[in-house]
Amino acid sequence: MSRTVQLLLASNFLLGVLFFGGCETVPQGIQEAKIQMAQRIASEPAGDYFIGRRYYKPDFKFWGYVRRPGESWSSAQLVMLNEKQKLAPDREPLDFGSDNNYEYKLYGNFSGDKVYEPASNSIYPEFVLKGYELISTNPPPIFKSQLRGRSTADLRYEIEKPE
């Protein structure tokens, strides 16, 4: 095979990879949202607090995802909340789940205990809540369903993990 033919085949292969590889890339808006989220997380000051994202599911008793400042949402843990010292934000006004997807600065600590949650038949770490501050009622998306616009009815019994 001549050198010209080899180069032509190689360039066609490369164009094909780029073209078809582009079909599987993340849409532009989603990619921008991911970049903005990474920049936002990177700018969080270190400190003695956590970042929490309320993840309300009517049939489940877990509270939501908790991570350390500066860490990605993929490292967050789904937690059971110990409210002996401070009630959860939606429990004080007795409006359960009204703060779904809200983002908070949480003060407290992981107790080291694990708590069984019967609806999911799973065990989750216990987070002892001592205080909180609302960060956002409309934070950037962290779940695939939020990025792809899936119906919440489709996800009633599905437990998503943040990305």
N, C-alpha and C. Protein backbone atom coordinates (compact mmCIF):
# COMPACT_ATOMS: atom_id res chain seq x y z
N MET A 1 0.85 -1.16 0.00
CA MET A 1 0.00 0.00 0.00
C MET A 1 0.90 1.24 0.00
N SER A 2 0.54 2.19 -0.82
CA SER A 2 1.37 3.39 -0.93
C SER A 2 1.21 4.27 0.31
N ARG A 3 2.17 5.11 0.51
CA ARG A 3 2.18 6.05 1.64
C ARG A 3 0.98 6.98 1.57
N THR A 4 0.59 7.41 0.39
CA THR A 4 -0.55 8.31 0.21
C THR A 4 -1.84 7.63 0.63
N VAL A 5 -2.00 6.38 0.24
CA VAL A 5 -3.21 5.64 0.61
C VAL A 5 -3.25 5.44 2.12
N GLN A 6 -2.12 5.13 2.73
CA GLN A 6 -2.06 4.96 4.18
C GLN A 6 -2.46 6.24 4.89
N LEU A 7 -1.94 7.37 4.43
CA LEU A 7 -2.28 8.66 5.04
C LEU A 7 -3.76 8.97 4.86
N LEU A 8 -4.29 8.66 3.69
CA LEU A 8 -5.70 8.90 3.42
C LEU A 8 -6.57 8.05 4.33
N LEU A 9 -6.24 6.78 4.50
CA LEU A 9 -6.99 5.89 5.39
C LEU A 9 -6.89 6.36 6.84
N ALA A 10 -5.70 6.76 7.24
CA ALA A 10 -5.51 7.24 8.61
C ALA A 10 -6.31 8.51 8.87
N SER A 11 -6.31 9.43 7.92
CA SER A 11 -7.05 10.68 8.11
C SER A 11 -8.55 10.41 8.10
N ASN A 12 -9.03 9.50 7.25
CA ASN A 12 -10.45 9.14 7.25
C ASN A 12 -10.84 8.49 8.57
N PHE A 13 -9.97 7.63 9.08
CA PHE A 13 -10.23 6.99 10.38
C PHE A 13 -10.33 8.05 11.48
N LEU A 14 -9.37 8.97 11.48
CA LEU A 14 -9.35 10.03 12.49
C LEU A 14 -10.61 10.90 12.40
N LEU A 15 -11.01 11.27 11.20
CA LEU A 15 -12.24 12.05 11.02
C LEU A 15 -13.46 11.28 11.51
N GLY A 16 -13.49 9.98 11.23
CA GLY A 16 -14.60 9.15 11.70
C GLY A 16 -14.67 9.09 13.22
N VAL A 17 -13.51 8.93 13.85
CA VAL A 17 -13.46 8.90 15.31
C VAL A 17 -13.96 10.22 15.88
N LEU A 18 -13.50 11.31 15.33
CA LEU A 18 -13.93 12.63 15.80
C LEU A 18 -15.42 12.84 15.58
N PHE A 19 -15.91 12.44 14.41
CA PHE A 19 -17.32 12.63 14.11
C PHE A 19 -18.20 11.78 15.02
N PHE A 20 -17.93 10.48 15.07
CA PHE A 20 -18.76 9.59 15.87
C PHE A 20 -18.51 9.78 17.36
N GLY A 21 -17.29 10.13 17.73
CA GLY A 21 -17.02 10.42 19.13
C GLY A 21 -17.80 11.62 19.59
N GLY A 22 -18.00 12.59 18.70
CA GLY A 22 -18.78 13.78 19.02
C GLY A 22 -20.23 13.46 19.30
N CYS A 23 -20.73 12.35 18.76
CA CYS A 23 -22.11 11.96 18.99
C CYS A 23 -22.35 11.56 20.43
N GLU A 24 -21.30 11.16 21.14
CA GLU A 24 -21.45 10.70 22.51
C GLU A 24 -21.01 11.75 23.52
N THR A 25 -20.65 12.91 23.08
CA THR A 25 -20.20 13.92 24.01
C THR A 25 -21.38 14.52 24.73
N VAL A 26 -21.10 15.19 25.83
CA VAL A 26 -22.11 15.83 26.63
C VAL A 26 -22.56 17.09 25.90
N PRO A 27 -23.87 17.36 25.81
CA PRO A 27 -24.33 18.58 25.15
C PRO A 27 -23.68 19.82 25.75
N GLN A 28 -23.53 20.84 24.93
CA GLN A 28 -22.80 22.06 25.31
C GLN A 28 -23.30 22.65 26.63
N GLY A 29 -24.62 22.80 26.80
CA GLY A 29 -25.17 23.39 28.02
C GLY A 29 -24.82 22.59 29.26
N ILE A 30 -24.87 21.27 29.14
CA ILE A 30 -24.55 20.40 30.27
C ILE A 30 -23.07 20.51 30.59
N GLN A 31 -22.23 20.53 29.56
CA GLN A 31 -20.78 20.65 29.78
C GLN A 31 -20.46 21.96 30.49
N GLU A 32 -21.10 23.06 30.06
CA GLU A 32 -20.87 24.35 30.71
C GLU A 32 -21.31 24.32 32.17
N ALA A 33 -22.45 23.68 32.44
CA ALA A 33 -22.94 23.57 33.82
C ALA A 33 -21.95 22.79 34.69
N LYS A 34 -21.36 21.73 34.13
CA LYS A 34 -20.38 20.94 34.88
C LYS A 34 -19.13 21.75 35.17
N ILE A 35 -18.70 22.54 34.20
CA ILE A 35 -17.51 23.39 34.40
C ILE A 35 -17.79 24.44 35.47
N GLN A 36 -18.96 25.08 35.39
CA GLN A 36 -19.32 26.08 36.40
C GLN A 36 -19.39 25.46 37.79
N MET A 37 -19.95 24.26 37.88
CA MET A 37 -20.05 23.57 39.18
C MET A 37 -18.66 23.28 39.73
N ALA A 38 -17.76 22.80 38.89
CA ALA A 38 -16.40 22.51 39.34
C ALA A 38 -15.70 23.78 39.83
N GLN A 39 -15.90 24.87 39.12
CA GLN A 39 -15.30 26.15 39.54
C GLN A 39 -15.89 26.63 40.86
N ARG A 40 -17.19 26.46 41.00
CA ARG A 40 -17.87 26.88 42.24
C ARG A 40 -17.36 26.07 43.44
N ILE A 41 -17.24 24.76 43.25
CA ILE A 41 -16.75 23.89 44.32
C ILE A 41 -15.31 24.24 44.68
N ALA A 42 -14.49 24.48 43.66
CA ALA A 42 -13.08 24.81 43.90
C ALA A 42 -12.92 26.11 44.67
N SER A 43 -13.90 27.00 44.57
CA SER A 43 -13.81 28.28 45.26
C SER A 43 -14.36 28.25 46.68
N GLU A 44 -14.90 27.11 47.13
CA GLU A 44 -15.43 27.02 48.49
C GLU A 44 -14.29 27.09 49.50
N PRO A 45 -14.42 27.97 50.48
CA PRO A 45 -13.35 28.06 51.48
C PRO A 45 -13.34 26.84 52.39
N ALA A 46 -12.15 26.45 52.80
CA ALA A 46 -12.02 25.35 53.75
C ALA A 46 -12.63 25.81 55.08
N GLY A 47 -13.06 24.88 55.88
CA GLY A 47 -13.63 25.25 57.17
C GLY A 47 -14.26 24.06 57.86
N ASP A 48 -14.79 24.33 59.03
CA ASP A 48 -15.41 23.30 59.86
C ASP A 48 -16.91 23.24 59.56
N TYR A 49 -17.23 22.85 58.34
CA TYR A 49 -18.62 22.73 57.93
C TYR A 49 -18.70 21.73 56.78
N PHE A 50 -19.89 21.46 56.35
CA PHE A 50 -20.14 20.55 55.23
C PHE A 50 -21.11 21.22 54.27
N ILE A 51 -21.19 20.69 53.07
CA ILE A 51 -22.18 21.14 52.09
C ILE A 51 -23.20 20.02 51.97
N GLY A 52 -24.47 20.37 52.09
CA GLY A 52 -25.54 19.38 52.00
C GLY A 52 -26.52 19.72 50.90
N ARG A 53 -26.97 18.70 50.20
CA ARG A 53 -28.01 18.88 49.19
C ARG A 53 -29.18 18.01 49.61
N ARG A 54 -30.30 18.63 49.90
CA ARG A 54 -31.51 17.90 50.29
C ARG A 54 -31.96 17.03 49.14
N TYR A 55 -32.22 15.77 49.45
CA TYR A 55 -32.65 14.80 48.45
C TYR A 55 -33.87 14.10 49.01
N TYR A 56 -35.04 14.70 48.76
CA TYR A 56 -36.28 14.22 49.35
C TYR A 56 -36.97 13.21 48.44
N LYS A 57 -37.28 12.08 49.02
CA LYS A 57 -38.08 11.04 48.37
C LYS A 57 -39.16 10.66 49.39
N PRO A 58 -40.44 10.82 49.06
CA PRO A 58 -41.51 10.62 50.05
C PRO A 58 -41.49 9.27 50.75
N ASP A 59 -41.04 8.23 50.07
CA ASP A 59 -41.07 6.89 50.66
C ASP A 59 -39.83 6.53 51.47
N PHE A 60 -38.84 7.40 51.48
CA PHE A 60 -37.57 7.12 52.13
C PHE A 60 -37.34 8.08 53.29
N LYS A 61 -36.48 7.69 54.22
CA LYS A 61 -36.22 8.49 55.41
C LYS A 61 -34.83 9.13 55.45
N PHE A 62 -34.02 8.90 54.42
CA PHE A 62 -32.71 9.57 54.43
C PHE A 62 -32.93 11.06 54.21
N TRP A 63 -31.90 11.88 54.54
CA TRP A 63 -32.05 13.33 54.42
C TRP A 63 -31.56 13.84 53.06
N GLY A 64 -30.34 13.48 52.69
CA GLY A 64 -29.76 13.98 51.46
C GLY A 64 -28.28 13.69 51.41
N TYR A 65 -27.59 14.35 50.49
CA TYR A 65 -26.17 14.13 50.28
C TYR A 65 -25.34 15.19 51.00
N VAL A 66 -24.25 14.74 51.60
CA VAL A 66 -23.35 15.61 52.36
C VAL A 66 -21.92 15.37 51.90
N ARG A 67 -21.21 16.48 51.69
CA ARG A 67 -19.79 16.41 51.30
C ARG A 67 -19.02 17.50 52.01
N ARG A 68 -17.71 17.36 52.00
CA ARG A 68 -16.83 18.39 52.56
C ARG A 68 -16.67 19.52 51.54
N PRO A 69 -16.43 20.74 52.00
CA PRO A 69 -16.20 21.83 51.05
C PRO A 69 -14.97 21.54 50.19
N GLY A 70 -15.07 21.89 48.92
CA GLY A 70 -13.96 21.66 47.99
C GLY A 70 -13.95 20.29 47.36
N GLU A 71 -14.77 19.37 47.85
CA GLU A 71 -14.84 18.03 47.27
C GLU A 71 -15.99 17.97 46.27
N SER A 72 -15.88 17.08 45.30
CA SER A 72 -16.92 16.96 44.28
C SER A 72 -18.16 16.28 44.85
N TRP A 73 -19.28 16.47 44.16
CA TRP A 73 -20.52 15.82 44.59
C TRP A 73 -20.43 14.31 44.47
N SER A 74 -19.58 13.81 43.60
CA SER A 74 -19.46 12.36 43.45
C SER A 74 -18.89 11.72 44.72
N SER A 75 -18.25 12.51 45.58
CA SER A 75 -17.71 11.99 46.84
C SER A 75 -18.71 12.11 48.00
N ALA A 76 -19.86 12.75 47.74
CA ALA A 76 -20.85 12.97 48.80
C ALA A 76 -21.46 11.66 49.28
N GLN A 77 -21.91 11.67 50.53
CA GLN A 77 -22.55 10.49 51.11
C GLN A 77 -24.02 10.79 51.37
N LEU A 78 -24.87 9.83 51.06
CA LEU A 78 -26.28 9.92 51.40
C LEU A 78 -26.39 9.61 52.88
N VAL A 79 -27.03 10.50 53.65
CA VAL A 79 -27.00 10.37 55.11
C VAL A 79 -28.38 10.30 55.74
N MET A 80 -28.40 9.73 56.92
CA MET A 80 -29.53 9.82 57.83
C MET A 80 -29.18 10.94 58.80
N LEU A 81 -30.13 11.81 59.06
CA LEU A 81 -29.86 12.99 59.88
C LEU A 81 -30.27 12.73 61.32
N ASN A 82 -29.37 13.00 62.25
CA ASN A 82 -29.67 12.97 63.68
C ASN A 82 -30.06 14.40 64.06
N GLU A 83 -31.33 14.58 64.47
CA GLU A 83 -31.87 15.91 64.75
C GLU A 83 -32.06 16.18 66.24
N LYS A 84 -31.31 15.50 67.08
CA LYS A 84 -31.48 15.70 68.53
C LYS A 84 -31.04 17.09 68.96
N GLN A 85 -30.04 17.66 68.26
CA GLN A 85 -29.55 18.99 68.63
C GLN A 85 -30.19 20.09 67.80
N LYS A 86 -30.52 19.80 66.55
CA LYS A 86 -31.10 20.80 65.65
C LYS A 86 -32.02 20.09 64.66
N LEU A 87 -33.23 20.62 64.49
CA LEU A 87 -34.17 20.04 63.53
C LEU A 87 -33.75 20.38 62.10
N ALA A 88 -34.09 19.48 61.19
CA ALA A 88 -33.82 19.70 59.77
C ALA A 88 -34.61 20.92 59.29
N PRO A 89 -34.10 21.59 58.26
CA PRO A 89 -34.77 22.81 57.78
C PRO A 89 -36.25 22.66 57.43
N ASP A 90 -36.64 21.52 56.87
CA ASP A 90 -38.06 21.34 56.52
C ASP A 90 -38.90 20.83 57.67
N ARG A 91 -38.25 20.39 58.75
CA ARG A 91 -39.00 19.87 59.89
C ARG A 91 -39.46 20.99 60.82
N GLU A 92 -38.68 22.04 60.94
CA GLU A 92 -39.07 23.16 61.80
C GLU A 92 -40.43 23.74 61.40
N PRO A 93 -40.68 24.01 60.09
CA PRO A 93 -42.00 24.53 59.71
C PRO A 93 -43.03 23.42 59.44
N LEU A 94 -42.66 22.15 59.67
CA LEU A 94 -43.52 20.99 59.40
C LEU A 94 -43.99 20.96 57.95
N ASP A 95 -43.06 21.20 57.05
CA ASP A 95 -43.34 21.20 55.62
C ASP A 95 -42.37 20.23 54.95
N PHE A 96 -42.55 18.95 55.23
CA PHE A 96 -41.59 17.91 54.85
C PHE A 96 -41.35 17.86 53.34
N GLY A 97 -40.08 17.91 52.98
CA GLY A 97 -39.68 17.82 51.60
C GLY A 97 -39.79 19.12 50.82
N SER A 98 -40.25 20.17 51.47
CA SER A 98 -40.41 21.46 50.77
C SER A 98 -39.07 22.03 50.32
N ASP A 99 -38.00 21.54 50.90
CA ASP A 99 -36.67 22.05 50.54
C ASP A 99 -35.91 21.08 49.64
N ASN A 100 -36.64 20.21 48.92
CA ASN A 100 -35.97 19.27 48.03
C ASN A 100 -35.06 20.00 47.06
N ASN A 101 -33.84 19.52 46.95
CA ASN A 101 -32.79 20.04 46.08
C ASN A 101 -32.19 21.36 46.57
N TYR A 102 -32.56 21.86 47.73
CA TYR A 102 -31.92 23.05 48.28
C TYR A 102 -30.51 22.67 48.72
N GLU A 103 -29.63 23.65 48.69
CA GLU A 103 -28.25 23.43 49.12
C GLU A 103 -27.99 24.21 50.40
N TYR A 104 -27.33 23.56 51.34
CA TYR A 104 -27.08 24.14 52.66
C TYR A 104 -25.61 24.05 53.04
N LYS A 105 -25.21 24.97 53.88
CA LYS A 105 -23.96 24.84 54.62
C LYS A 105 -24.40 24.20 55.93
N LEU A 106 -23.86 23.02 56.22
CA LEU A 106 -24.25 22.27 57.41
C LEU A 106 -23.15 22.32 58.46
N TYR A 107 -23.56 22.49 59.69
CA TYR A 107 -22.63 22.42 60.81
C TYR A 107 -22.99 21.17 61.60
N GLY A 108 -21.99 20.39 61.91
CA GLY A 108 -22.21 19.15 62.63
C GLY A 108 -21.08 18.19 62.32
N ASN A 109 -21.36 16.92 62.49
CA ASN A 109 -20.33 15.92 62.25
C ASN A 109 -20.96 14.55 62.00
N PHE A 110 -20.17 13.70 61.39
CA PHE A 110 -20.56 12.30 61.25
C PHE A 110 -20.30 11.62 62.58
N SER A 111 -21.30 10.94 63.10
CA SER A 111 -21.17 10.30 64.42
C SER A 111 -20.32 9.04 64.37
N GLY A 112 -20.18 8.45 63.21
CA GLY A 112 -19.50 7.16 63.10
C GLY A 112 -20.50 6.01 63.15
N ASP A 113 -21.75 6.31 63.52
CA ASP A 113 -22.79 5.28 63.56
C ASP A 113 -23.42 5.12 62.18
N LYS A 114 -23.98 3.97 61.97
CA LYS A 114 -24.70 3.66 60.74
C LYS A 114 -26.17 3.45 61.10
N VAL A 115 -27.07 3.88 60.21
CA VAL A 115 -28.50 3.81 60.48
C VAL A 115 -29.19 3.06 59.35
N TYR A 116 -30.03 2.12 59.71
CA TYR A 116 -30.78 1.34 58.73
C TYR A 116 -31.97 2.14 58.23
N GLU A 117 -32.18 2.14 56.92
CA GLU A 117 -33.33 2.81 56.31
C GLU A 117 -34.15 1.72 55.63
N PRO A 118 -35.35 1.43 56.15
CA PRO A 118 -36.10 0.26 55.69
C PRO A 118 -36.59 0.32 54.24
N ALA A 119 -37.00 1.47 53.73
CA ALA A 119 -37.55 1.52 52.37
C ALA A 119 -36.51 1.16 51.32
N SER A 120 -35.27 1.54 51.55
CA SER A 120 -34.19 1.20 50.61
C SER A 120 -33.46 -0.07 51.01
N ASN A 121 -33.77 -0.56 52.21
CA ASN A 121 -33.10 -1.74 52.76
C ASN A 121 -31.59 -1.53 52.75
N SER A 122 -31.18 -0.31 53.13
CA SER A 122 -29.77 0.05 53.12
C SER A 122 -29.37 0.71 54.43
N ILE A 123 -28.08 0.76 54.65
CA ILE A 123 -27.52 1.38 55.84
C ILE A 123 -26.74 2.62 55.41
N TYR A 124 -26.99 3.73 56.11
CA TYR A 124 -26.37 5.01 55.76
C TYR A 124 -25.65 5.60 56.96
N PRO A 125 -24.63 6.42 56.72
CA PRO A 125 -23.95 7.08 57.83
C PRO A 125 -24.86 8.11 58.49
N GLU A 126 -24.66 8.29 59.79
CA GLU A 126 -25.45 9.27 60.55
C GLU A 126 -24.70 10.59 60.62
N PHE A 127 -25.41 11.66 60.27
CA PHE A 127 -24.85 13.01 60.38
C PHE A 127 -25.59 13.73 61.49
N VAL A 128 -24.85 14.21 62.51
CA VAL A 128 -25.45 14.92 63.64
C VAL A 128 -25.51 16.40 63.27
N LEU A 129 -26.73 16.89 63.07
CA LEU A 129 -26.93 18.28 62.66
C LEU A 129 -26.89 19.20 63.88
N LYS A 130 -26.04 20.24 63.80
CA LYS A 130 -25.94 21.22 64.88
C LYS A 130 -26.39 22.61 64.42
N GLY A 131 -26.43 22.81 63.11
CA GLY A 131 -26.88 24.08 62.55
C GLY A 131 -26.78 24.05 61.05
N TYR A 132 -27.37 25.06 60.42
CA TYR A 132 -27.31 25.13 58.95
C TYR A 132 -27.56 26.56 58.49
N GLU A 133 -27.10 26.81 57.26
CA GLU A 133 -27.37 28.07 56.56
C GLU A 133 -27.78 27.71 55.14
N LEU A 134 -28.83 28.33 54.66
CA LEU A 134 -29.26 28.10 53.30
C LEU A 134 -28.27 28.74 52.33
N ILE A 135 -27.79 27.98 51.37
CA ILE A 135 -26.90 28.50 50.33
C ILE A 135 -27.71 28.88 49.11
N SER A 136 -28.59 27.96 48.66
CA SER A 136 -29.34 28.21 47.44
C SER A 136 -30.63 27.39 47.40
N THR A 137 -31.69 28.00 46.89
CA THR A 137 -32.94 27.27 46.65
C THR A 137 -32.99 26.75 45.22
N ASN A 138 -32.03 27.14 44.40
CA ASN A 138 -31.97 26.69 43.01
C ASN A 138 -30.52 26.46 42.58
N PRO A 139 -29.86 25.50 43.24
CA PRO A 139 -28.44 25.25 42.91
C PRO A 139 -28.30 24.53 41.58
N PRO A 140 -27.08 24.50 41.06
CA PRO A 140 -26.84 23.79 39.79
C PRO A 140 -27.15 22.29 39.94
N PRO A 141 -27.54 21.65 38.84
CA PRO A 141 -27.88 20.22 38.89
C PRO A 141 -26.68 19.35 39.22
N ILE A 142 -26.96 18.28 39.97
CA ILE A 142 -25.90 17.31 40.30
C ILE A 142 -26.30 15.88 39.94
N PHE A 143 -27.52 15.69 39.47
CA PHE A 143 -28.01 14.35 39.12
C PHE A 143 -28.25 14.26 37.62
N LYS A 144 -28.02 13.08 37.04
CA LYS A 144 -28.26 12.87 35.61
C LYS A 144 -29.69 13.23 35.23
N SER A 145 -30.65 12.89 36.08
CA SER A 145 -32.05 13.17 35.75
C SER A 145 -32.30 14.66 35.60
N GLN A 146 -31.60 15.47 36.38
CA GLN A 146 -31.75 16.92 36.28
C GLN A 146 -31.15 17.43 34.98
N LEU A 147 -30.10 16.80 34.52
CA LEU A 147 -29.44 17.22 33.30
C LEU A 147 -30.20 16.76 32.06
N ARG A 148 -30.91 15.67 32.19
CA ARG A 148 -31.60 15.12 31.03
C ARG A 148 -33.11 15.35 31.08
N GLY A 149 -33.58 15.99 32.14
CA GLY A 149 -35.00 16.34 32.22
C GLY A 149 -35.94 15.17 32.43
N ARG A 150 -35.49 14.12 33.11
CA ARG A 150 -36.38 12.98 33.39
C ARG A 150 -37.44 13.38 34.40
N SER A 151 -38.59 12.81 34.27
CA SER A 151 -39.70 13.07 35.17
C SER A 151 -39.41 12.52 36.56
N THR A 152 -39.79 13.27 37.59
CA THR A 152 -39.58 12.79 38.96
C THR A 152 -40.47 11.59 39.26
N ALA A 153 -41.61 11.47 38.55
CA ALA A 153 -42.47 10.31 38.74
C ALA A 153 -41.76 9.03 38.30
N ASP A 154 -40.92 9.12 37.28
CA ASP A 154 -40.16 7.96 36.81
C ASP A 154 -39.12 7.52 37.84
N LEU A 155 -38.74 8.42 38.71
CA LEU A 155 -37.64 8.19 39.64
C LEU A 155 -38.09 7.97 41.09
N ARG A 156 -39.38 7.75 41.31
CA ARG A 156 -39.89 7.69 42.67
C ARG A 156 -39.13 6.71 43.57
N TYR A 157 -38.80 5.55 43.03
CA TYR A 157 -38.12 4.54 43.85
C TYR A 157 -36.64 4.38 43.50
N GLU A 158 -36.15 5.22 42.62
CA GLU A 158 -34.75 5.17 42.23
C GLU A 158 -33.95 6.13 43.10
N ILE A 159 -32.84 5.66 43.62
CA ILE A 159 -31.96 6.51 44.42
C ILE A 159 -30.77 6.89 43.53
N GLU A 160 -30.72 8.15 43.18
CA GLU A 160 -29.66 8.63 42.31
C GLU A 160 -28.40 8.98 43.11
N LYS A 161 -27.30 8.95 42.42
CA LYS A 161 -26.02 9.39 42.99
C LYS A 161 -25.60 10.64 42.26
N PRO A 162 -25.09 11.62 42.99
CA PRO A 162 -24.63 12.84 42.30
C PRO A 162 -23.37 12.57 41.49
N GLU A 163 -23.17 13.41 40.49
CA GLU A 163 -21.98 13.28 39.63
C GLU A 163 -21.05 14.44 39.84
